[in-house]
Amino acid sequence: MMIQSTKRSSAARPHGEYKRQLLDEIVALKPATLLDVGCGTGDLLVAAREAGIARTVGIEPETQACVRARSRGLDVISCRAEALPFEDRSFDVVTLDYVAHHTENLPRALREASRVARCAVLILDCWFDDIRWFGGERDERTLGLLSRDDSMP
């Protein structure tokens, strides 16, 4: 599932509103499991857990952020988005919350997210529409990996 970007209005919307909308999209899918790629200190994981998602896992490459997230009682693994240490279709929903522009190889990170997702990959990122990430032109094969025809069990 890919949420299409919308045209920006002249009035800036706060990031908190975007994050609330992302959480609303996640909850609407009614997942039992969530993987947050690049979870930082785990704010989205906490919100997802509080929203009733039974199993929340994060990955984060920065050691200090992992330590902080784990100190909050969160399940966080130290690794990068381009090489996720999970079996295929391990999570109902995978999120990249302001992470896409930090990846070393965005197409590889998106393939990995799609590989471990059963239902949806949700991306919130201010730079996601930047065409440079796709080699100068929009690569529909890469973007197509974010769509799934099957629904969640």
N, C-alpha and C. Protein backbone atom coordinates (compact mmCIF):
# COMPACT_ATOMS: atom_id res chain seq x y z
N MET A 1 0.85 -1.17 0.00
CA MET A 1 0.00 0.00 0.00
C MET A 1 0.89 1.23 0.00
N MET A 2 0.60 2.15 -0.88
CA MET A 2 1.37 3.39 -0.91
C MET A 2 0.41 4.54 -0.76
N ILE A 3 0.65 5.40 0.19
CA ILE A 3 -0.16 6.59 0.38
C ILE A 3 0.42 7.65 -0.52
N GLN A 4 -0.38 8.13 -1.46
CA GLN A 4 0.09 9.14 -2.40
C GLN A 4 0.27 10.47 -1.69
N SER A 5 1.29 11.19 -2.12
CA SER A 5 1.48 12.52 -1.56
C SER A 5 0.40 13.43 -2.12
N THR A 6 0.14 14.49 -1.41
CA THR A 6 -0.84 15.47 -1.86
C THR A 6 -0.13 16.79 -2.08
N LYS A 7 -0.74 17.65 -2.87
CA LYS A 7 -0.14 18.96 -3.10
C LYS A 7 -0.08 19.72 -1.79
N ARG A 8 1.01 20.41 -1.61
CA ARG A 8 1.19 21.18 -0.39
C ARG A 8 0.42 22.49 -0.48
N SER A 9 -0.21 22.83 0.61
CA SER A 9 -0.86 24.13 0.68
C SER A 9 0.18 25.16 1.08
N SER A 10 -0.17 26.41 0.96
CA SER A 10 0.77 27.46 1.33
C SER A 10 1.01 27.49 2.84
N ALA A 11 0.07 26.98 3.61
CA ALA A 11 0.22 26.94 5.07
C ALA A 11 0.93 25.64 5.47
N ALA A 12 2.01 25.76 6.18
CA ALA A 12 2.76 24.57 6.62
C ALA A 12 1.95 23.82 7.67
N ARG A 13 1.96 22.50 7.56
CA ARG A 13 1.30 21.66 8.55
C ARG A 13 2.36 21.14 9.50
N PRO A 14 2.06 21.10 10.75
CA PRO A 14 3.06 20.63 11.72
C PRO A 14 3.34 19.13 11.57
N HIS A 15 4.57 18.74 11.85
CA HIS A 15 4.95 17.34 11.77
C HIS A 15 4.12 16.47 12.70
N GLY A 16 3.72 17.00 13.83
CA GLY A 16 2.89 16.25 14.75
C GLY A 16 1.59 15.80 14.11
N GLU A 17 1.01 16.63 13.28
CA GLU A 17 -0.22 16.27 12.57
C GLU A 17 0.06 15.14 11.57
N TYR A 18 1.17 15.22 10.86
CA TYR A 18 1.53 14.14 9.94
C TYR A 18 1.71 12.83 10.69
N LYS A 19 2.37 12.89 11.83
CA LYS A 19 2.60 11.68 12.61
C LYS A 19 1.29 11.11 13.15
N ARG A 20 0.36 11.97 13.54
CA ARG A 20 -0.95 11.51 13.98
C ARG A 20 -1.67 10.81 12.83
N GLN A 21 -1.58 11.39 11.64
CA GLN A 21 -2.21 10.77 10.47
C GLN A 21 -1.59 9.43 10.14
N LEU A 22 -0.27 9.33 10.29
CA LEU A 22 0.39 8.05 10.06
C LEU A 22 -0.13 7.01 11.05
N LEU A 23 -0.21 7.37 12.31
CA LEU A 23 -0.72 6.43 13.31
C LEU A 23 -2.16 6.04 12.99
N ASP A 24 -2.98 6.99 12.56
CA ASP A 24 -4.36 6.68 12.17
C ASP A 24 -4.40 5.67 11.03
N GLU A 25 -3.51 5.85 10.04
CA GLU A 25 -3.45 4.91 8.90
C GLU A 25 -3.04 3.51 9.38
N ILE A 26 -2.09 3.46 10.29
CA ILE A 26 -1.64 2.18 10.83
C ILE A 26 -2.80 1.49 11.55
N VAL A 27 -3.43 2.20 12.47
CA VAL A 27 -4.51 1.63 13.28
C VAL A 27 -5.68 1.18 12.40
N ALA A 28 -5.97 1.92 11.34
CA ALA A 28 -7.08 1.56 10.44
C ALA A 28 -6.85 0.19 9.78
N LEU A 29 -5.60 -0.21 9.63
CA LEU A 29 -5.29 -1.51 9.03
C LEU A 29 -5.48 -2.67 10.01
N LYS A 30 -5.63 -2.35 11.29
CA LYS A 30 -5.83 -3.34 12.36
C LYS A 30 -4.74 -4.41 12.38
N PRO A 31 -3.49 -3.98 12.41
CA PRO A 31 -2.42 -4.98 12.43
C PRO A 31 -2.22 -5.56 13.83
N ALA A 32 -1.74 -6.78 13.85
CA ALA A 32 -1.32 -7.39 15.12
C ALA A 32 0.16 -7.15 15.35
N THR A 33 0.90 -6.91 14.24
CA THR A 33 2.34 -6.71 14.33
C THR A 33 2.77 -5.49 13.52
N LEU A 34 3.79 -4.81 14.03
CA LEU A 34 4.31 -3.61 13.37
C LEU A 34 5.83 -3.59 13.48
N LEU A 35 6.50 -3.30 12.38
CA LEU A 35 7.93 -3.05 12.37
C LEU A 35 8.13 -1.59 11.99
N ASP A 36 8.81 -0.83 12.85
CA ASP A 36 9.15 0.55 12.55
C ASP A 36 10.63 0.60 12.18
N VAL A 37 10.91 0.87 10.91
CA VAL A 37 12.27 0.93 10.39
C VAL A 37 12.84 2.31 10.71
N GLY A 38 13.98 2.32 11.40
CA GLY A 38 14.58 3.59 11.81
C GLY A 38 13.77 4.23 12.92
N CYS A 39 13.50 3.46 13.95
CA CYS A 39 12.56 3.87 15.00
C CYS A 39 13.07 4.94 15.93
N GLY A 40 14.35 5.28 15.87
CA GLY A 40 14.88 6.28 16.79
C GLY A 40 14.72 5.80 18.23
N THR A 41 14.19 6.67 19.06
CA THR A 41 14.00 6.30 20.47
C THR A 41 12.66 5.63 20.73
N GLY A 42 11.87 5.40 19.68
CA GLY A 42 10.68 4.57 19.81
C GLY A 42 9.35 5.25 20.00
N ASP A 43 9.23 6.52 19.67
CA ASP A 43 7.95 7.21 19.89
C ASP A 43 6.79 6.55 19.15
N LEU A 44 7.00 6.17 17.88
CA LEU A 44 5.92 5.53 17.13
C LEU A 44 5.59 4.15 17.71
N LEU A 45 6.60 3.43 18.16
CA LEU A 45 6.37 2.11 18.77
C LEU A 45 5.51 2.24 20.02
N VAL A 46 5.80 3.25 20.85
CA VAL A 46 5.00 3.48 22.05
C VAL A 46 3.56 3.81 21.67
N ALA A 47 3.38 4.71 20.71
CA ALA A 47 2.04 5.10 20.29
C ALA A 47 1.27 3.91 19.71
N ALA A 48 1.96 3.08 18.94
CA ALA A 48 1.31 1.90 18.35
C ALA A 48 0.91 0.90 19.43
N ARG A 49 1.79 0.70 20.38
CA ARG A 49 1.48 -0.20 21.49
C ARG A 49 0.27 0.31 22.27
N GLU A 50 0.27 1.61 22.55
CA GLU A 50 -0.87 2.21 23.27
C GLU A 50 -2.16 2.13 22.46
N ALA A 51 -2.05 2.07 21.14
CA ALA A 51 -3.22 1.95 20.27
C ALA A 51 -3.71 0.51 20.16
N GLY A 52 -3.01 -0.43 20.81
CA GLY A 52 -3.48 -1.80 20.86
C GLY A 52 -2.78 -2.78 19.94
N ILE A 53 -1.71 -2.37 19.29
CA ILE A 53 -0.98 -3.30 18.44
C ILE A 53 -0.17 -4.23 19.34
N ALA A 54 -0.41 -5.52 19.19
CA ALA A 54 0.11 -6.52 20.13
C ALA A 54 1.63 -6.63 20.11
N ARG A 55 2.24 -6.63 18.94
CA ARG A 55 3.69 -6.81 18.85
C ARG A 55 4.29 -5.66 18.03
N THR A 56 5.13 -4.87 18.67
CA THR A 56 5.81 -3.78 17.99
C THR A 56 7.31 -3.99 18.10
N VAL A 57 8.00 -3.86 16.97
CA VAL A 57 9.44 -4.05 16.91
C VAL A 57 10.01 -2.87 16.12
N GLY A 58 11.17 -2.41 16.54
CA GLY A 58 11.86 -1.36 15.81
C GLY A 58 13.25 -1.78 15.42
N ILE A 59 13.73 -1.17 14.35
CA ILE A 59 15.15 -1.31 14.01
C ILE A 59 15.72 0.10 13.95
N GLU A 60 16.98 0.20 14.37
CA GLU A 60 17.63 1.52 14.44
C GLU A 60 19.14 1.33 14.34
N PRO A 61 19.81 2.05 13.43
CA PRO A 61 21.25 1.89 13.30
C PRO A 61 22.07 2.65 14.35
N GLU A 62 21.49 3.66 14.97
CA GLU A 62 22.23 4.49 15.93
C GLU A 62 22.20 3.85 17.32
N THR A 63 23.36 3.54 17.86
CA THR A 63 23.48 2.84 19.13
C THR A 63 22.77 3.56 20.27
N GLN A 64 23.00 4.85 20.41
CA GLN A 64 22.41 5.59 21.52
C GLN A 64 20.88 5.60 21.45
N ALA A 65 20.33 5.71 20.26
CA ALA A 65 18.87 5.67 20.11
C ALA A 65 18.34 4.30 20.50
N CYS A 66 19.06 3.23 20.12
CA CYS A 66 18.66 1.87 20.51
C CYS A 66 18.63 1.73 22.03
N VAL A 67 19.67 2.21 22.67
CA VAL A 67 19.76 2.12 24.13
C VAL A 67 18.58 2.86 24.77
N ARG A 68 18.28 4.04 24.29
CA ARG A 68 17.17 4.83 24.84
C ARG A 68 15.84 4.12 24.61
N ALA A 69 15.63 3.59 23.41
CA ALA A 69 14.38 2.88 23.11
C ALA A 69 14.24 1.64 23.99
N ARG A 70 15.30 0.90 24.15
CA ARG A 70 15.25 -0.30 24.99
C ARG A 70 14.99 0.06 26.44
N SER A 71 15.50 1.21 26.89
CA SER A 71 15.25 1.64 28.27
C SER A 71 13.78 1.98 28.50
N ARG A 72 13.04 2.16 27.41
CA ARG A 72 11.60 2.41 27.49
C ARG A 72 10.81 1.10 27.43
N GLY A 73 11.52 -0.02 27.44
CA GLY A 73 10.86 -1.33 27.39
C GLY A 73 10.49 -1.77 25.99
N LEU A 74 11.11 -1.20 24.98
CA LEU A 74 10.77 -1.50 23.59
C LEU A 74 11.70 -2.55 23.01
N ASP A 75 11.18 -3.32 22.07
CA ASP A 75 11.94 -4.34 21.36
C ASP A 75 12.59 -3.67 20.15
N VAL A 76 13.87 -3.36 20.26
CA VAL A 76 14.59 -2.64 19.20
C VAL A 76 15.88 -3.38 18.88
N ILE A 77 16.11 -3.58 17.59
CA ILE A 77 17.27 -4.28 17.08
C ILE A 77 18.16 -3.28 16.36
N SER A 78 19.45 -3.38 16.56
CA SER A 78 20.40 -2.50 15.89
C SER A 78 20.74 -3.08 14.52
N CYS A 79 20.27 -2.43 13.48
CA CYS A 79 20.58 -2.82 12.10
C CYS A 79 20.15 -1.70 11.16
N ARG A 80 20.39 -1.89 9.87
CA ARG A 80 20.04 -0.89 8.86
C ARG A 80 18.84 -1.35 8.04
N ALA A 81 18.17 -0.40 7.44
CA ALA A 81 16.97 -0.67 6.64
C ALA A 81 17.25 -1.53 5.42
N GLU A 82 18.46 -1.49 4.93
CA GLU A 82 18.80 -2.20 3.70
C GLU A 82 19.02 -3.69 3.90
N ALA A 83 19.07 -4.17 5.14
CA ALA A 83 19.29 -5.59 5.43
C ALA A 83 18.52 -5.96 6.70
N LEU A 84 17.23 -6.17 6.56
CA LEU A 84 16.39 -6.48 7.72
C LEU A 84 16.54 -7.95 8.11
N PRO A 85 16.78 -8.22 9.40
CA PRO A 85 17.03 -9.58 9.87
C PRO A 85 15.75 -10.36 10.21
N PHE A 86 14.78 -10.32 9.31
CA PHE A 86 13.50 -10.97 9.56
C PHE A 86 13.12 -11.83 8.36
N GLU A 87 12.31 -12.84 8.63
CA GLU A 87 11.77 -13.69 7.57
C GLU A 87 10.81 -12.90 6.70
N ASP A 88 10.57 -13.39 5.50
CA ASP A 88 9.59 -12.78 4.60
C ASP A 88 8.23 -12.72 5.29
N ARG A 89 7.53 -11.63 5.08
CA ARG A 89 6.15 -11.43 5.56
C ARG A 89 6.04 -11.63 7.08
N SER A 90 7.00 -11.12 7.81
CA SER A 90 7.03 -11.27 9.27
C SER A 90 6.14 -10.30 10.03
N PHE A 91 5.78 -9.17 9.40
CA PHE A 91 5.01 -8.13 10.07
C PHE A 91 3.82 -7.72 9.22
N ASP A 92 2.70 -7.44 9.88
CA ASP A 92 1.53 -6.97 9.14
C ASP A 92 1.82 -5.64 8.47
N VAL A 93 2.40 -4.71 9.22
CA VAL A 93 2.69 -3.37 8.71
C VAL A 93 4.14 -3.02 9.00
N VAL A 94 4.78 -2.38 8.02
CA VAL A 94 6.13 -1.86 8.18
C VAL A 94 6.06 -0.36 7.93
N THR A 95 6.70 0.42 8.80
CA THR A 95 6.70 1.87 8.64
C THR A 95 8.12 2.40 8.48
N LEU A 96 8.23 3.49 7.73
CA LEU A 96 9.45 4.29 7.64
C LEU A 96 9.00 5.72 7.94
N ASP A 97 9.20 6.14 9.16
CA ASP A 97 8.71 7.43 9.65
C ASP A 97 9.86 8.42 9.65
N TYR A 98 9.90 9.28 8.63
CA TYR A 98 10.99 10.24 8.44
C TYR A 98 12.35 9.54 8.38
N VAL A 99 12.39 8.44 7.62
CA VAL A 99 13.60 7.63 7.52
C VAL A 99 14.09 7.50 6.08
N ALA A 100 13.20 7.54 5.11
CA ALA A 100 13.58 7.26 3.72
C ALA A 100 14.77 8.10 3.26
N HIS A 101 14.81 9.36 3.62
CA HIS A 101 15.91 10.22 3.17
C HIS A 101 17.22 9.94 3.92
N HIS A 102 17.19 9.12 4.96
CA HIS A 102 18.41 8.76 5.70
C HIS A 102 19.03 7.45 5.20
N THR A 103 18.32 6.69 4.39
CA THR A 103 18.84 5.39 3.97
C THR A 103 20.03 5.55 3.03
N GLU A 104 20.92 4.57 3.08
CA GLU A 104 22.07 4.58 2.17
C GLU A 104 21.64 4.19 0.76
N ASN A 105 20.62 3.33 0.65
CA ASN A 105 20.15 2.85 -0.63
C ASN A 105 18.63 2.69 -0.52
N LEU A 106 17.90 3.72 -0.91
CA LEU A 106 16.45 3.72 -0.74
C LEU A 106 15.76 2.58 -1.48
N PRO A 107 16.05 2.31 -2.75
CA PRO A 107 15.38 1.19 -3.41
C PRO A 107 15.58 -0.14 -2.67
N ARG A 108 16.79 -0.38 -2.17
CA ARG A 108 17.05 -1.62 -1.43
C ARG A 108 16.26 -1.63 -0.11
N ALA A 109 16.22 -0.49 0.58
CA ALA A 109 15.47 -0.40 1.83
C ALA A 109 13.98 -0.65 1.59
N LEU A 110 13.45 -0.13 0.49
CA LEU A 110 12.03 -0.34 0.18
C LEU A 110 11.75 -1.79 -0.19
N ARG A 111 12.68 -2.42 -0.92
CA ARG A 111 12.51 -3.85 -1.23
C ARG A 111 12.49 -4.67 0.05
N GLU A 112 13.39 -4.35 0.99
CA GLU A 112 13.43 -5.07 2.26
C GLU A 112 12.14 -4.86 3.05
N ALA A 113 11.67 -3.63 3.11
CA ALA A 113 10.42 -3.34 3.83
C ALA A 113 9.27 -4.13 3.21
N SER A 114 9.21 -4.14 1.90
CA SER A 114 8.15 -4.87 1.21
C SER A 114 8.26 -6.38 1.45
N ARG A 115 9.48 -6.87 1.50
CA ARG A 115 9.72 -8.31 1.71
C ARG A 115 9.18 -8.77 3.06
N VAL A 116 9.38 -7.98 4.11
CA VAL A 116 8.97 -8.41 5.45
C VAL A 116 7.54 -8.01 5.80
N ALA A 117 6.88 -7.25 4.92
CA ALA A 117 5.50 -6.81 5.18
C ALA A 117 4.49 -7.80 4.63
N ARG A 118 3.46 -8.11 5.43
CA ARG A 118 2.36 -8.94 4.96
C ARG A 118 1.28 -8.11 4.28
N CYS A 119 1.05 -6.91 4.79
CA CYS A 119 -0.07 -6.11 4.32
C CYS A 119 0.35 -4.78 3.70
N ALA A 120 1.15 -4.00 4.44
CA ALA A 120 1.41 -2.64 3.99
C ALA A 120 2.76 -2.14 4.43
N VAL A 121 3.31 -1.25 3.61
CA VAL A 121 4.48 -0.46 3.96
C VAL A 121 4.00 0.99 3.92
N LEU A 122 4.10 1.67 5.04
CA LEU A 122 3.67 3.06 5.13
C LEU A 122 4.89 3.95 5.31
N ILE A 123 4.97 4.99 4.49
CA ILE A 123 6.13 5.88 4.50
C ILE A 123 5.67 7.30 4.76
N LEU A 124 6.28 7.91 5.76
CA LEU A 124 6.10 9.33 6.03
C LEU A 124 7.48 9.96 5.93
N ASP A 125 7.67 10.84 4.95
CA ASP A 125 8.98 11.45 4.78
C ASP A 125 8.86 12.71 3.96
N CYS A 126 9.51 13.74 4.43
CA CYS A 126 9.45 15.02 3.74
C CYS A 126 10.17 14.99 2.40
N TRP A 127 11.09 14.06 2.19
CA TRP A 127 11.86 14.01 0.95
C TRP A 127 11.47 12.83 0.08
N PHE A 128 10.44 12.08 0.43
CA PHE A 128 10.10 10.86 -0.31
C PHE A 128 9.82 11.13 -1.78
N ASP A 129 9.21 12.25 -2.12
CA ASP A 129 8.88 12.54 -3.52
C ASP A 129 10.08 13.02 -4.34
N ASP A 130 11.24 13.15 -3.72
CA ASP A 130 12.41 13.63 -4.43
C ASP A 130 12.83 12.59 -5.46
N ILE A 131 12.71 12.94 -6.71
CA ILE A 131 12.93 12.01 -7.81
C ILE A 131 14.38 11.51 -7.87
N ARG A 132 15.32 12.23 -7.27
CA ARG A 132 16.71 11.81 -7.31
C ARG A 132 16.92 10.45 -6.65
N TRP A 133 16.06 10.09 -5.71
CA TRP A 133 16.23 8.80 -5.03
C TRP A 133 16.02 7.64 -5.98
N PHE A 134 15.41 7.89 -7.13
CA PHE A 134 15.09 6.82 -8.06
C PHE A 134 15.89 6.94 -9.35
N GLY A 135 17.13 7.43 -9.25
CA GLY A 135 18.01 7.46 -10.40
C GLY A 135 17.65 8.50 -11.44
N GLY A 136 16.95 9.56 -11.06
CA GLY A 136 16.66 10.63 -12.00
C GLY A 136 15.30 10.53 -12.65
N GLU A 137 14.66 9.39 -12.61
CA GLU A 137 13.30 9.28 -13.12
C GLU A 137 12.54 8.30 -12.24
N ARG A 138 11.26 8.46 -12.18
CA ARG A 138 10.45 7.63 -11.29
C ARG A 138 10.51 6.18 -11.76
N ASP A 139 10.93 5.31 -10.88
CA ASP A 139 11.08 3.89 -11.18
C ASP A 139 9.84 3.16 -10.68
N GLU A 140 8.90 2.90 -11.58
CA GLU A 140 7.63 2.28 -11.20
C GLU A 140 7.83 0.87 -10.66
N ARG A 141 8.88 0.18 -11.07
CA ARG A 141 9.13 -1.16 -10.53
C ARG A 141 9.42 -1.07 -9.04
N THR A 142 10.23 -0.11 -8.65
CA THR A 142 10.54 0.06 -7.23
C THR A 142 9.30 0.47 -6.47
N LEU A 143 8.57 1.46 -6.98
CA LEU A 143 7.37 1.93 -6.31
C LEU A 143 6.31 0.85 -6.24
N GLY A 144 6.24 0.02 -7.26
CA GLY A 144 5.25 -1.04 -7.29
C GLY A 144 5.44 -2.07 -6.20
N LEU A 145 6.65 -2.20 -5.69
CA LEU A 145 6.90 -3.15 -4.62
C LEU A 145 6.15 -2.80 -3.35
N LEU A 146 5.64 -1.57 -3.27
CA LEU A 146 4.94 -1.15 -2.07
C LEU A 146 3.47 -1.55 -2.09
N SER A 147 2.99 -2.09 -3.19
CA SER A 147 1.59 -2.47 -3.30
C SER A 147 1.42 -3.96 -3.10
N ARG A 148 0.37 -4.33 -2.40
CA ARG A 148 0.03 -5.75 -2.23
C ARG A 148 -1.45 -5.90 -2.60
N ASP A 149 -1.74 -6.94 -3.38
CA ASP A 149 -3.11 -7.20 -3.75
C ASP A 149 -3.88 -7.96 -2.67
N ASP A 150 -3.14 -8.72 -1.86
CA ASP A 150 -3.81 -9.51 -0.84
C ASP A 150 -4.10 -8.65 0.39
N SER A 151 -5.09 -9.04 1.14
CA SER A 151 -5.44 -8.30 2.34
C SER A 151 -4.91 -9.03 3.56
N MET A 152 -4.95 -8.34 4.68
CA MET A 152 -4.47 -8.94 5.93
C MET A 152 -5.41 -10.04 6.36
N PRO A 153 -4.84 -11.08 7.01
CA PRO A 153 -5.71 -12.16 7.53
C PRO A 153 -6.58 -11.66 8.65
